[in-house]
Amino acid sequence: MHLHQVLTGAVNPGDCCYSVGSVNDIPFTAYGSGCDVVILASDFDCVQIIP
């Protein structure tokens, strides 16, 4: 089992598994975790998980 499968919410390994951006001047961070895409607010609270 790989480490990202053991740690809940861990970012997938690699250089292209996360991104930062903003919509209407509201910043966010998005990253891949397993088969999901996780979107975090600027304070790192989870906003949405897209399976």
PDB file of N, CA and C in Angstrom:
ATOM      1  N   MET A   1       0.851  -1.171   0.000  1.00  0.00           N
ATOM      2  CA  MET A   1       0.000   0.000   0.000  1.00  0.00           C
ATOM      3  C   MET A   1       0.898   1.236   0.000  1.00  0.00           C
ATOM      4  N   HIS A   2       0.539   2.214  -0.792  1.00  0.00           N
ATOM      5  CA  HIS A   2       1.321   3.445  -0.888  1.00  0.00           C
ATOM      6  C   HIS A   2       0.943   4.404   0.241  1.00  0.00           C
ATOM      7  N   LEU A   3       1.869   5.289   0.600  1.00  0.00           N
ATOM      8  CA  LEU A   3       1.652   6.220   1.697  1.00  0.00           C
ATOM      9  C   LEU A   3       0.407   7.073   1.489  1.00  0.00           C
ATOM     10  N   HIS A   4       0.150   7.558   0.267  1.00  0.00           N
ATOM     11  CA  HIS A   4      -1.013   8.417   0.055  1.00  0.00           C
ATOM     12  C   HIS A   4      -2.321   7.652   0.199  1.00  0.00           C
ATOM     13  N   GLN A   5      -2.279   6.325   0.212  1.00  0.00           N
ATOM     14  CA  GLN A   5      -3.481   5.533   0.441  1.00  0.00           C
ATOM     15  C   GLN A   5      -3.719   5.310   1.931  1.00  0.00           C
ATOM     16  N   VAL A   6      -2.698   5.504   2.743  1.00  0.00           N
ATOM     17  CA  VAL A   6      -2.804   5.270   4.177  1.00  0.00           C
ATOM     18  C   VAL A   6      -3.216   6.540   4.910  1.00  0.00           C
ATOM     19  N   LEU A   7      -2.630   7.675   4.546  1.00  0.00           N
ATOM     20  CA  LEU A   7      -2.918   8.945   5.204  1.00  0.00           C
ATOM     21  C   LEU A   7      -4.128   9.601   4.558  1.00  0.00           C
ATOM     22  N   THR A   8      -5.215   9.691   5.293  1.00  0.00           N
ATOM     23  CA  THR A   8      -6.432  10.288   4.756  1.00  0.00           C
ATOM     24  C   THR A   8      -6.182  11.737   4.363  1.00  0.00           C
ATOM     25  N   GLY A   9      -6.487  12.080   3.129  1.00  0.00           N
ATOM     26  CA  GLY A   9      -6.329  13.442   2.658  1.00  0.00           C
ATOM     27  C   GLY A   9      -4.939  13.807   2.200  1.00  0.00           C
ATOM     28  N   ALA A  10      -4.008  12.865   2.212  1.00  0.00           N
ATOM     29  CA  ALA A  10      -2.645  13.163   1.775  1.00  0.00           C
ATOM     30  C   ALA A  10      -2.627  13.455   0.278  1.00  0.00           C
ATOM     31  N   VAL A  11      -1.798  14.386  -0.121  1.00  0.00           N
ATOM     32  CA  VAL A  11      -1.678  14.756  -1.533  1.00  0.00           C
ATOM     33  C   VAL A  11      -0.983  13.626  -2.290  1.00  0.00           C
ATOM     34  N   ASN A  12      -1.451  13.345  -3.503  1.00  0.00           N
ATOM     35  CA  ASN A  12      -0.803  12.342  -4.338  1.00  0.00           C
ATOM     36  C   ASN A  12       0.648  12.738  -4.584  1.00  0.00           C
ATOM     37  N   PRO A  13       1.543  11.761  -4.712  1.00  0.00           N
ATOM     38  CA  PRO A  13       2.949  12.077  -4.975  1.00  0.00           C
ATOM     39  C   PRO A  13       3.143  12.646  -6.376  1.00  0.00           C
ATOM     40  N   GLY A  14       4.127  13.508  -6.534  1.00  0.00           N
ATOM     41  CA  GLY A  14       4.432  14.071  -7.847  1.00  0.00           C
ATOM     42  C   GLY A  14       4.457  15.583  -7.815  1.00  0.00           C
ATOM     43  N   ASP A  15       4.920  16.154  -8.924  1.00  0.00           N
ATOM     44  CA  ASP A  15       5.072  17.607  -9.010  1.00  0.00           C
ATOM     45  C   ASP A  15       3.807  18.331  -9.459  1.00  0.00           C
ATOM     46  N   CYS A  16       2.849  17.631 -10.030  1.00  0.00           N
ATOM     47  CA  CYS A  16       1.674  18.285 -10.626  1.00  0.00           C
ATOM     48  C   CYS A  16       0.383  17.849  -9.949  1.00  0.00           C
ATOM     49  N   CYS A  17       0.395  17.670  -8.643  1.00  0.00           N
ATOM     50  CA  CYS A  17      -0.779  17.157  -7.934  1.00  0.00           C
ATOM     51  C   CYS A  17      -1.534  18.221  -7.152  1.00  0.00           C
ATOM     52  N   TYR A  18      -1.096  19.466  -7.218  1.00  0.00           N
ATOM     53  CA  TYR A  18      -1.823  20.526  -6.529  1.00  0.00           C
ATOM     54  C   TYR A  18      -1.730  21.814  -7.341  1.00  0.00           C
ATOM     55  N   SER A  19      -2.646  22.736  -7.055  1.00  0.00           N
ATOM     56  CA  SER A  19      -2.652  24.017  -7.744  1.00  0.00           C
ATOM     57  C   SER A  19      -3.307  25.051  -6.840  1.00  0.00           C
ATOM     58  N   VAL A  20      -2.943  26.299  -7.021  1.00  0.00           N
ATOM     59  CA  VAL A  20      -3.592  27.400  -6.321  1.00  0.00           C
ATOM     60  C   VAL A  20      -4.196  28.330  -7.366  1.00  0.00           C
ATOM     61  N   GLY A  21      -5.259  29.007  -6.984  1.00  0.00           N
ATOM     62  CA  GLY A  21      -5.911  29.924  -7.911  1.00  0.00           C
ATOM     63  C   GLY A  21      -6.898  30.793  -7.166  1.00  0.00           C
ATOM     64  N   SER A  22      -7.706  31.530  -7.916  1.00  0.00           N
ATOM     65  CA  SER A  22      -8.742  32.354  -7.303  1.00  0.00           C
ATOM     66  C   SER A  22      -9.905  32.505  -8.271  1.00  0.00           C
ATOM     67  N   VAL A  23     -11.088  32.656  -7.690  1.00  0.00           N
ATOM     68  CA  VAL A  23     -12.308  32.915  -8.445  1.00  0.00           C
ATOM     69  C   VAL A  23     -12.962  34.130  -7.800  1.00  0.00           C
ATOM     70  N   ASN A  24     -13.197  35.173  -8.576  1.00  0.00           N
ATOM     71  CA  ASN A  24     -13.751  36.426  -8.042  1.00  0.00           C
ATOM     72  C   ASN A  24     -12.933  36.921  -6.844  1.00  0.00           C
ATOM     73  N   ASP A  25     -11.603  36.872  -6.973  1.00  0.00           N
ATOM     74  CA  ASP A  25     -10.667  37.320  -5.937  1.00  0.00           C
ATOM     75  C   ASP A  25     -10.749  36.508  -4.644  1.00  0.00           C
ATOM     76  N   ILE A  26     -11.314  35.302  -4.694  1.00  0.00           N
ATOM     77  CA  ILE A  26     -11.339  34.402  -3.541  1.00  0.00           C
ATOM     78  C   ILE A  26     -10.330  33.291  -3.803  1.00  0.00           C
ATOM     79  N   PRO A  27      -9.217  33.259  -3.042  1.00  0.00           N
ATOM     80  CA  PRO A  27      -8.164  32.267  -3.301  1.00  0.00           C
ATOM     81  C   PRO A  27      -8.564  30.865  -2.829  1.00  0.00           C
ATOM     82  N   PHE A  28      -8.012  29.849  -3.489  1.00  0.00           N
ATOM     83  CA  PHE A  28      -8.261  28.464  -3.109  1.00  0.00           C
ATOM     84  C   PHE A  28      -7.049  27.619  -3.477  1.00  0.00           C
ATOM     85  N   THR A  29      -6.989  26.435  -2.900  1.00  0.00           N
ATOM     86  CA  THR A  29      -5.989  25.426  -3.239  1.00  0.00           C
ATOM     87  C   THR A  29      -6.740  24.166  -3.629  1.00  0.00           C
ATOM     88  N   ALA A  30      -6.328  23.524  -4.707  1.00  0.00           N
ATOM     89  CA  ALA A  30      -6.926  22.255  -5.134  1.00  0.00           C
ATOM     90  C   ALA A  30      -5.816  21.227  -5.260  1.00  0.00           C
ATOM     91  N   TYR A  31      -6.103  19.992  -4.829  1.00  0.00           N
ATOM     92  CA  TYR A  31      -5.099  18.936  -4.948  1.00  0.00           C
ATOM     93  C   TYR A  31      -5.762  17.584  -5.165  1.00  0.00           C
ATOM     94  N   GLY A  32      -4.992  16.669  -5.730  1.00  0.00           N
ATOM     95  CA  GLY A  32      -5.454  15.305  -5.927  1.00  0.00           C
ATOM     96  C   GLY A  32      -5.113  14.461  -4.718  1.00  0.00           C
ATOM     97  N   SER A  33      -6.093  13.690  -4.245  1.00  0.00           N
ATOM     98  CA  SER A  33      -5.893  12.770  -3.122  1.00  0.00           C
ATOM     99  C   SER A  33      -6.555  11.458  -3.488  1.00  0.00           C
ATOM    100  N   GLY A  34      -5.749  10.453  -3.819  1.00  0.00           N
ATOM    101  CA  GLY A  34      -6.317   9.205  -4.323  1.00  0.00           C
ATOM    102  C   GLY A  34      -6.975   9.480  -5.654  1.00  0.00           C
ATOM    103  N   CYS A  35      -8.261   9.172  -5.765  1.00  0.00           N
ATOM    104  CA  CYS A  35      -9.020   9.447  -6.996  1.00  0.00           C
ATOM    105  C   CYS A  35      -9.870  10.705  -6.860  1.00  0.00           C
ATOM    106  N   ASP A  36      -9.727  11.438  -5.767  1.00  0.00           N
ATOM    107  CA  ASP A  36     -10.545  12.617  -5.505  1.00  0.00           C
ATOM    108  C   ASP A  36      -9.772  13.903  -5.783  1.00  0.00           C
ATOM    109  N   VAL A  37     -10.521  14.973  -6.041  1.00  0.00           N
ATOM    110  CA  VAL A  37      -9.959  16.321  -6.093  1.00  0.00           C
ATOM    111  C   VAL A  37     -10.511  17.058  -4.878  1.00  0.00           C
ATOM    112  N   VAL A  38      -9.624  17.617  -4.070  1.00  0.00           N
ATOM    113  CA  VAL A  38     -10.007  18.311  -2.843  1.00  0.00           C
ATOM    114  C   VAL A  38      -9.770  19.799  -3.045  1.00  0.00           C
ATOM    115  N   ILE A  39     -10.772  20.613  -2.704  1.00  0.00           N
ATOM    116  CA  ILE A  39     -10.660  22.065  -2.821  1.00  0.00           C
ATOM    117  C   ILE A  39     -10.681  22.656  -1.417  1.00  0.00           C
ATOM    118  N   LEU A  40      -9.648  23.464  -1.118  1.00  0.00           N
ATOM    119  CA  LEU A  40      -9.509  24.083   0.195  1.00  0.00           C
ATOM    120  C   LEU A  40      -9.624  25.596   0.082  1.00  0.00           C
ATOM    121  N   ALA A  41     -10.206  26.216   1.106  1.00  0.00           N
ATOM    122  CA  ALA A  41     -10.254  27.675   1.183  1.00  0.00           C
ATOM    123  C   ALA A  41      -8.867  28.197   1.544  1.00  0.00           C
ATOM    124  N   SER A  42      -8.707  29.509   1.556  1.00  0.00           N
ATOM    125  CA  SER A  42      -7.396  30.101   1.847  1.00  0.00           C
ATOM    126  C   SER A  42      -6.912  29.784   3.259  1.00  0.00           C
ATOM    127  N   ASP A  43      -7.831  29.460   4.188  1.00  0.00           N
ATOM    128  CA  ASP A  43      -7.439  29.069   5.552  1.00  0.00           C
ATOM    129  C   ASP A  43      -7.320  27.548   5.688  1.00  0.00           C
ATOM    130  N   PHE A  44      -7.306  26.844   4.543  1.00  0.00           N
ATOM    131  CA  PHE A  44      -7.149  25.395   4.443  1.00  0.00           C
ATOM    132  C   PHE A  44      -8.333  24.605   4.985  1.00  0.00           C
ATOM    133  N   ASP A  45      -9.494  25.257   5.168  1.00  0.00           N
ATOM    134  CA  ASP A  45     -10.714  24.512   5.467  1.00  0.00           C
ATOM    135  C   ASP A  45     -11.192  23.847   4.190  1.00  0.00           C
ATOM    136  N   CYS A  46     -11.676  22.623   4.310  1.00  0.00           N
ATOM    137  CA  CYS A  46     -12.162  21.889   3.142  1.00  0.00           C
ATOM    138  C   CYS A  46     -13.464  22.518   2.647  1.00  0.00           C
ATOM    139  N   VAL A  47     -13.490  22.890   1.368  1.00  0.00           N
ATOM    140  CA  VAL A  47     -14.673  23.484   0.759  1.00  0.00           C
ATOM    141  C   VAL A  47     -15.481  22.415   0.034  1.00  0.00           C
ATOM    142  N   GLN A  48     -14.790  21.560  -0.726  1.00  0.00           N
ATOM    143  CA  GLN A  48     -15.484  20.546  -1.516  1.00  0.00           C
ATOM    144  C   GLN A  48     -14.525  19.412  -1.850  1.00  0.00           C
ATOM    145  N   ILE A  49     -15.077  18.200  -1.932  1.00  0.00           N
ATOM    146  CA  ILE A  49     -14.342  17.033  -2.409  1.00  0.00           C
ATOM    147  C   ILE A  49     -15.096  16.502  -3.619  1.00  0.00           C
ATOM    148  N   ILE A  50     -14.401  16.408  -4.737  1.00  0.00           N
ATOM    149  CA  ILE A  50     -15.006  15.918  -5.975  1.00  0.00           C
ATOM    150  C   ILE A  50     -14.490  14.500  -6.206  1.00  0.00           C
ATOM    151  N   PRO A  51     -15.382  13.496  -6.073  1.00  0.00           N
ATOM    152  CA  PRO A  51     -14.937  12.100  -6.246  1.00  0.00           C
ATOM    153  C   PRO A  51     -14.654  11.754  -7.693  1.00  0.00           C
TER     154      PRO A  51
END
